[in-house]
Amino acid sequence: MRRRLRALVTAFFALPLALVAAPSAHAADPTTMTSGFYVDPDSSAKRWVAADPGDGRAPAINDFIANTPMALWFGSWSGTIGTATGAYAGAAASQRKLPLLVAYNIYHRDYCGGHSAGGAASPSAYASWIAQFAGGIARRPAIVLLEPDSLADYGCMTQAQIDEREGMITDALTQFNRQAPNTWVYLDAGNPAWASPAAMAQRLHEAGLRQAHGFSLNISNYFTTAENIAYGNAVNSELGARYGYTKPFVVDTSRNGHGSDGQWCNPSGRRIGSPTQTGGGAEMLLWIKNPGESDGNCGVGAGTSAGQFLPEVAYKMIYGY
């Protein structure tokens, strides 16, 4: 027996280094710990339907939007963040459902775009906030979409600011690995029109993608699922060629039923896409941006603020006119 054990140990250490590298960021699979995705009972669409039951648009919005699993976005508006994420993950866990959470509070958020500008007051404030975010989820199963646009929004940033941002993302991933072992974290990678696959692969890698479960695409945008899958595969090709690994990815399909007309801020004529599901050409197709919520004071949302629910926009997105 001793001789066999010694032989096994010798064989193990003779393996090439690549085969005995650290395991993936999370060994647990939250999709197997749950039964389907969590529907937020307090989403903006749910609240509107409850407040306006006599509105002729309410039945369609309830059936096609409010009852589809969607992500809940967390930021400075969420109060004590660990309490907020803990309550949300706990409510989902009580139903054995998988919650989708978006962390959206990075320092200098939307720095170049401006419509959703804000975020934590400093890198240290963000480090504290994201640590509490992860700690609130703890061992409950969850999906986290980490800081939409943060690695694509580089157009006006200095290299020092880029380095600072990538450091914040890397530290955030470390917190999730330490505190939330049953959470899959997807590091956001923008959309097909924002950065080349080579550029995005480099940004993802430098921000610590190895520590994440995967990356996310098309958050709050309109590109078709096929376009995103092609882009995600191209990013993975670059990751494999340059760094020796690839990652699964998810696509935000909440508003991509008609594809993109080149505009990102409340364009007209868009439509809801495939509902939240596993598979579909990516690891998952998810509703991350809530259909009907404004992107800001622009397009068909002129005069509104980002996140405001617009029932007429939601209704038109169901039927595509």
Protein backbone atom coordinates (compact mmCIF):
# COMPACT_ATOMS: atom_id res chain seq x y z
CA MET A 1 0.00 0.00 0.00
CA ARG A 2 2.84 2.36 0.97
CA ARG A 3 4.64 1.62 -2.28
CA ARG A 4 1.48 2.37 -4.29
CA LEU A 5 0.93 5.66 -2.46
CA ARG A 6 4.55 6.67 -3.02
CA ALA A 7 4.20 5.89 -6.72
CA LEU A 8 1.04 7.99 -6.98
CA VAL A 9 2.70 10.95 -5.28
CA THR A 10 5.75 10.65 -7.55
CA ALA A 11 3.52 10.49 -10.63
CA PHE A 12 1.54 13.54 -9.48
CA PHE A 13 4.61 15.73 -9.09
CA ALA A 14 5.91 14.53 -12.46
CA LEU A 15 2.86 16.03 -14.21
CA PRO A 16 3.45 19.17 -16.31
CA LEU A 17 2.90 22.34 -14.29
CA ALA A 18 -0.10 23.39 -16.44
CA LEU A 19 -1.98 20.26 -15.37
CA VAL A 20 -1.55 20.87 -11.65
CA ALA A 21 -2.27 24.58 -11.67
CA ALA A 22 -4.80 26.04 -9.22
CA PRO A 23 -8.39 24.97 -9.89
CA SER A 24 -10.94 27.36 -11.34
CA ALA A 25 -12.05 30.27 -9.17
CA HIS A 26 -15.11 28.40 -7.92
CA ALA A 27 -15.45 24.65 -7.70
CA ALA A 28 -19.17 24.86 -6.86
CA ASP A 29 -21.78 25.27 -9.58
CA PRO A 30 -24.62 27.55 -8.38
CA THR A 31 -26.90 26.38 -11.19
CA THR A 32 -26.90 22.85 -9.73
CA MET A 33 -27.53 24.16 -6.21
CA THR A 34 -30.77 25.84 -7.31
CA SER A 35 -33.86 25.19 -9.43
CA GLY A 36 -34.18 27.95 -12.01
CA PHE A 37 -33.62 31.70 -11.75
CA TYR A 38 -35.03 34.09 -9.17
CA VAL A 39 -37.75 36.59 -10.15
CA ASP A 40 -37.40 39.80 -8.14
CA PRO A 41 -40.83 40.52 -6.58
CA ASP A 42 -39.87 44.18 -6.23
CA SER A 43 -38.51 44.92 -9.72
CA SER A 44 -39.45 48.21 -11.36
CA ALA A 45 -41.78 46.35 -13.74
CA LYS A 46 -43.44 44.47 -10.85
CA ARG A 47 -43.95 47.70 -8.93
CA TRP A 48 -45.47 49.45 -11.92
CA VAL A 49 -47.90 46.58 -12.63
CA ALA A 50 -48.96 46.51 -8.98
CA ALA A 51 -49.52 50.27 -8.94
CA ASP A 52 -51.36 50.40 -12.29
CA PRO A 53 -53.52 47.25 -12.54
CA GLY A 54 -56.15 49.07 -14.61
CA ASP A 55 -53.69 50.19 -17.28
CA GLY A 56 -54.30 48.35 -20.55
CA ARG A 57 -50.58 47.71 -20.90
CA ALA A 58 -50.26 46.02 -17.50
CA PRO A 59 -51.16 42.41 -18.49
CA ALA A 60 -48.55 42.27 -21.26
CA ILE A 61 -45.85 43.94 -19.17
CA ASN A 62 -46.61 41.54 -16.32
CA ASP A 63 -46.55 38.42 -18.51
CA PHE A 64 -43.62 39.21 -20.78
CA ILE A 65 -41.34 41.37 -18.62
CA ALA A 66 -42.17 41.43 -14.91
CA ASN A 67 -42.24 37.64 -14.57
CA THR A 68 -39.00 37.04 -16.43
CA PRO A 69 -35.96 36.58 -14.16
CA MET A 70 -33.84 39.76 -14.32
CA ALA A 71 -30.80 41.11 -12.53
CA LEU A 72 -30.98 43.51 -9.63
CA TRP A 73 -28.47 46.35 -9.78
CA PHE A 74 -26.64 47.42 -6.63
CA GLY A 75 -24.89 50.75 -6.05
CA SER A 76 -24.88 53.72 -3.71
CA TRP A 77 -28.70 53.67 -3.71
CA SER A 78 -28.72 50.21 -2.09
CA GLY A 79 -28.05 51.32 1.48
CA THR A 80 -25.83 49.13 3.64
CA ILE A 81 -24.55 46.95 0.86
CA GLY A 82 -23.83 43.74 2.75
CA THR A 83 -27.31 43.83 4.23
CA ALA A 84 -28.83 44.45 0.78
CA THR A 85 -26.99 41.65 -1.04
CA GLY A 86 -27.53 39.30 1.87
CA ALA A 87 -31.26 39.94 1.91
CA TYR A 88 -31.58 39.46 -1.85
CA ALA A 89 -29.46 36.30 -2.00
CA GLY A 90 -31.28 35.01 1.07
CA ALA A 91 -34.72 35.58 -0.44
CA ALA A 92 -33.66 33.66 -3.55
CA ALA A 93 -32.10 30.86 -1.50
CA SER A 94 -35.33 30.44 0.46
CA GLN A 95 -36.99 29.49 -2.86
CA ARG A 96 -34.00 27.50 -4.15
CA LYS A 97 -33.73 30.00 -7.01
CA LEU A 98 -30.58 31.53 -8.49
CA PRO A 99 -30.35 35.34 -8.16
CA LEU A 100 -28.64 37.66 -10.64
CA LEU A 101 -26.84 40.63 -9.05
CA VAL A 102 -25.02 43.50 -10.73
CA ALA A 103 -22.24 45.32 -8.86
CA TYR A 104 -22.26 48.87 -10.25
CA ASN A 105 -20.37 51.22 -7.99
CA ILE A 106 -16.78 51.38 -9.17
CA TYR A 107 -14.83 54.59 -8.58
CA HIS A 108 -15.22 56.91 -11.63
CA ARG A 109 -18.13 54.83 -12.93
CA ASP A 110 -19.10 55.66 -16.53
CA TYR A 111 -16.22 58.11 -16.52
CA CYS A 112 -16.22 58.69 -20.28
CA GLY A 113 -19.89 58.03 -21.10
CA GLY A 114 -21.32 60.19 -18.34
CA HIS A 115 -24.98 59.12 -18.32
CA SER A 116 -24.49 56.89 -15.27
CA ALA A 117 -21.56 58.76 -13.76
CA GLY A 118 -20.91 58.31 -10.07
CA GLY A 119 -19.75 55.35 -8.05
CA ALA A 120 -17.66 55.02 -4.92
CA ALA A 121 -15.84 58.10 -3.62
CA SER A 122 -12.38 56.55 -3.89
CA PRO A 123 -10.63 53.27 -4.69
CA SER A 124 -10.44 52.47 -0.97
CA ALA A 125 -14.16 53.20 -0.55
CA TYR A 126 -14.87 50.84 -3.43
CA ALA A 127 -12.67 48.13 -1.91
CA SER A 128 -14.69 48.32 1.30
CA TRP A 129 -18.01 48.36 -0.56
CA ILE A 130 -17.27 45.36 -2.78
CA ALA A 131 -15.90 43.36 0.14
CA GLN A 132 -19.18 43.90 1.97
CA PHE A 133 -21.11 43.05 -1.22
CA ALA A 134 -19.38 39.66 -1.42
CA GLY A 135 -19.66 39.09 2.32
CA GLY A 136 -23.40 39.65 2.19
CA ILE A 137 -23.86 36.87 -0.36
CA ALA A 138 -21.56 34.58 1.65
CA ARG A 139 -22.10 30.89 0.81
CA ARG A 140 -25.46 31.31 -0.92
CA PRO A 141 -25.53 30.47 -4.65
CA ALA A 142 -25.54 33.54 -6.90
CA ILE A 143 -24.51 35.04 -10.24
CA VAL A 144 -22.71 38.40 -10.12
CA LEU A 145 -22.11 40.64 -13.12
CA LEU A 146 -19.15 42.77 -12.11
CA GLU A 147 -19.08 46.45 -13.05
CA PRO A 148 -20.68 46.85 -16.49
CA ASP A 149 -18.66 48.99 -18.94
CA SER A 150 -15.70 49.25 -16.57
CA LEU A 151 -13.17 47.66 -18.93
CA ALA A 152 -14.67 49.05 -22.14
CA ASP A 153 -14.95 52.68 -20.95
CA TYR A 154 -11.26 53.52 -21.46
CA GLY A 155 -11.54 56.12 -24.24
CA CYS A 156 -10.81 59.20 -22.13
CA MET A 157 -8.78 57.61 -19.32
CA THR A 158 -5.06 57.93 -18.64
CA GLN A 159 -2.92 54.84 -18.22
CA ALA A 160 -2.68 55.55 -14.51
CA GLN A 161 -6.47 55.60 -14.25
CA ILE A 162 -6.71 52.38 -16.25
CA ASP A 163 -4.18 50.68 -13.99
CA GLU A 164 -6.10 51.89 -10.94
CA ARG A 165 -9.36 50.52 -12.31
CA GLU A 166 -7.90 47.15 -13.20
CA GLY A 167 -6.48 46.91 -9.69
CA MET A 168 -9.92 47.55 -8.21
CA ILE A 169 -11.43 44.79 -10.35
CA THR A 170 -8.69 42.31 -9.45
CA ASP A 171 -9.18 43.03 -5.75
CA ALA A 172 -12.95 42.62 -6.15
CA LEU A 173 -12.52 39.18 -7.68
CA THR A 174 -10.28 38.22 -4.78
CA GLN A 175 -13.03 39.18 -2.34
CA PHE A 176 -15.62 37.02 -4.10
CA ASN A 177 -13.25 34.07 -4.16
CA ARG A 178 -12.62 34.42 -0.45
CA GLN A 179 -16.11 35.21 0.78
CA ALA A 180 -18.64 33.91 -1.76
CA PRO A 181 -17.48 30.45 -2.87
CA ASN A 182 -20.81 29.52 -4.47
CA THR A 183 -21.01 32.62 -6.66
CA TRP A 184 -20.06 32.72 -10.31
CA VAL A 185 -18.62 36.15 -11.15
CA TYR A 186 -18.61 37.41 -14.73
CA LEU A 187 -16.26 40.27 -15.50
CA ASP A 188 -17.91 42.62 -17.96
CA ALA A 189 -16.40 42.82 -21.45
CA GLY A 190 -18.55 45.47 -23.13
CA ASN A 191 -20.09 44.68 -26.51
CA PRO A 192 -18.96 43.82 -30.06
CA ALA A 193 -18.74 47.45 -31.19
CA TRP A 194 -16.69 48.83 -28.30
CA ALA A 195 -13.22 47.23 -28.29
CA SER A 196 -11.50 44.74 -30.58
CA PRO A 197 -11.35 41.14 -29.35
CA ALA A 198 -7.59 41.50 -28.91
CA ALA A 199 -7.92 44.67 -26.86
CA MET A 200 -10.69 43.25 -24.70
CA ALA A 201 -8.82 40.01 -24.09
CA GLN A 202 -5.85 42.00 -22.83
CA ARG A 203 -8.01 44.18 -20.59
CA LEU A 204 -9.83 41.18 -19.14
CA HIS A 205 -6.59 39.34 -18.46
CA GLU A 206 -4.92 42.34 -16.86
CA ALA A 207 -7.96 42.88 -14.64
CA GLY A 208 -7.72 39.34 -13.27
CA LEU A 209 -10.03 37.28 -15.47
CA ARG A 210 -8.27 34.09 -14.39
CA GLN A 211 -9.90 34.57 -10.97
CA ALA A 212 -13.41 35.02 -12.43
CA HIS A 213 -15.75 32.31 -13.66
CA GLY A 214 -16.21 34.10 -16.98
CA PHE A 215 -17.11 37.33 -18.74
CA SER A 216 -20.33 39.09 -19.73
CA LEU A 217 -21.36 40.80 -22.98
CA ASN A 218 -23.93 43.30 -24.24
CA ILE A 219 -25.07 44.62 -20.85
CA SER A 220 -27.63 47.38 -21.47
CA ASN A 221 -27.04 47.14 -25.22
CA TYR A 222 -28.85 45.79 -28.27
CA PHE A 223 -26.50 43.65 -30.36
CA THR A 224 -27.94 40.33 -31.47
CA THR A 225 -27.16 37.14 -29.64
CA ALA A 226 -25.35 35.81 -32.71
CA GLU A 227 -23.14 38.91 -32.87
CA ASN A 228 -22.26 38.56 -29.22
CA ILE A 229 -21.49 34.87 -29.49
CA ALA A 230 -19.14 35.55 -32.40
CA TYR A 231 -17.46 38.31 -30.41
CA GLY A 232 -17.19 36.19 -27.26
CA ASN A 233 -15.61 33.37 -29.24
CA ALA A 234 -13.16 35.83 -30.80
CA VAL A 235 -12.21 37.14 -27.35
CA ASN A 236 -11.65 33.57 -26.22
CA SER A 237 -9.48 32.89 -29.25
CA GLU A 238 -7.28 35.83 -28.22
CA LEU A 239 -7.21 34.68 -24.61
CA GLY A 240 -6.19 31.20 -25.66
CA ALA A 241 -3.50 32.36 -28.08
CA ARG A 242 -2.00 34.98 -25.77
CA TYR A 243 -2.52 33.65 -22.27
CA GLY A 244 -3.30 29.96 -22.58
CA TYR A 245 -6.85 29.84 -21.25
CA THR A 246 -10.45 30.59 -22.20
CA LYS A 247 -13.56 31.41 -20.17
CA PRO A 248 -17.33 30.88 -20.52
CA PHE A 249 -19.41 33.97 -21.22
CA VAL A 250 -22.98 35.19 -20.84
CA VAL A 251 -25.01 37.57 -23.02
CA ASP A 252 -27.54 40.21 -21.97
CA THR A 253 -30.53 39.46 -24.21
CA SER A 254 -33.06 41.67 -22.44
CA ARG A 255 -33.38 44.21 -25.28
CA ASN A 256 -31.67 42.66 -28.31
CA GLY A 257 -34.64 41.16 -30.14
CA HIS A 258 -34.26 43.57 -33.05
CA GLY A 259 -30.50 44.01 -32.81
CA SER A 260 -28.72 47.36 -32.69
CA ASP A 261 -29.28 50.40 -34.90
CA GLY A 262 -25.97 51.86 -33.76
CA GLN A 263 -27.45 53.83 -30.86
CA TRP A 264 -27.06 52.72 -27.24
CA CYS A 265 -29.08 55.30 -25.31
CA ASN A 266 -32.84 54.62 -25.45
CA PRO A 267 -33.10 53.95 -29.20
CA SER A 268 -36.58 53.49 -30.63
CA GLY A 269 -37.86 50.35 -32.30
CA ARG A 270 -36.08 47.79 -30.10
CA ARG A 271 -37.56 44.55 -28.77
CA ILE A 272 -37.08 42.16 -25.88
CA GLY A 273 -34.88 39.15 -26.63
CA SER A 274 -34.66 35.53 -25.50
CA PRO A 275 -35.67 35.14 -21.84
CA THR A 276 -33.18 34.23 -19.14
CA GLN A 277 -31.91 30.67 -19.61
CA THR A 278 -28.87 28.46 -19.49
CA GLY A 279 -27.30 27.65 -22.84
CA GLY A 280 -28.54 29.32 -26.00
CA GLY A 281 -25.10 29.51 -27.62
CA ALA A 282 -23.38 31.05 -24.60
CA GLU A 283 -23.12 29.68 -21.08
CA MET A 284 -26.27 31.65 -20.28
CA LEU A 285 -28.57 34.20 -21.88
CA LEU A 286 -29.59 36.64 -19.14
CA TRP A 287 -31.80 39.66 -18.72
CA ILE A 288 -29.35 42.00 -17.03
CA LYS A 289 -30.73 45.40 -18.00
CA ASN A 290 -34.43 45.55 -17.16
CA PRO A 291 -36.54 46.25 -20.30
CA GLY A 292 -38.41 49.52 -19.96
CA GLU A 293 -35.83 51.13 -17.68
CA SER A 294 -34.34 54.30 -19.13
CA ASP A 295 -30.68 54.56 -20.11
CA GLY A 296 -30.75 58.26 -19.24
CA ASN A 297 -31.90 61.60 -20.65
CA CYS A 298 -31.73 60.63 -24.31
CA GLY A 299 -33.62 59.04 -27.22
CA VAL A 300 -37.13 57.87 -26.39
CA GLY A 301 -36.23 58.47 -22.75
CA ALA A 302 -35.69 62.21 -23.14
CA GLY A 303 -36.38 63.96 -19.85
CA THR A 304 -35.90 60.81 -17.77
CA SER A 305 -33.12 59.59 -15.50
CA ALA A 306 -31.17 56.34 -15.80
CA GLY A 307 -33.11 53.46 -14.27
CA GLN A 308 -36.53 55.13 -14.42
CA PHE A 309 -39.24 52.69 -15.58
CA LEU A 310 -41.05 53.80 -18.75
CA PRO A 311 -44.19 51.68 -19.33
CA GLU A 312 -44.76 52.84 -22.89
CA VAL A 313 -41.20 51.89 -23.83
CA ALA A 314 -41.60 48.52 -22.10
CA TYR A 315 -44.88 47.87 -23.91
CA LYS A 316 -43.44 48.71 -27.31
CA MET A 317 -40.44 46.46 -26.63
CA ILE A 318 -42.76 43.50 -26.19
CA TYR A 319 -44.33 43.92 -29.62
CA GLY A 320 -41.46 45.56 -31.44
CA TYR A 321 -42.99 48.78 -32.71
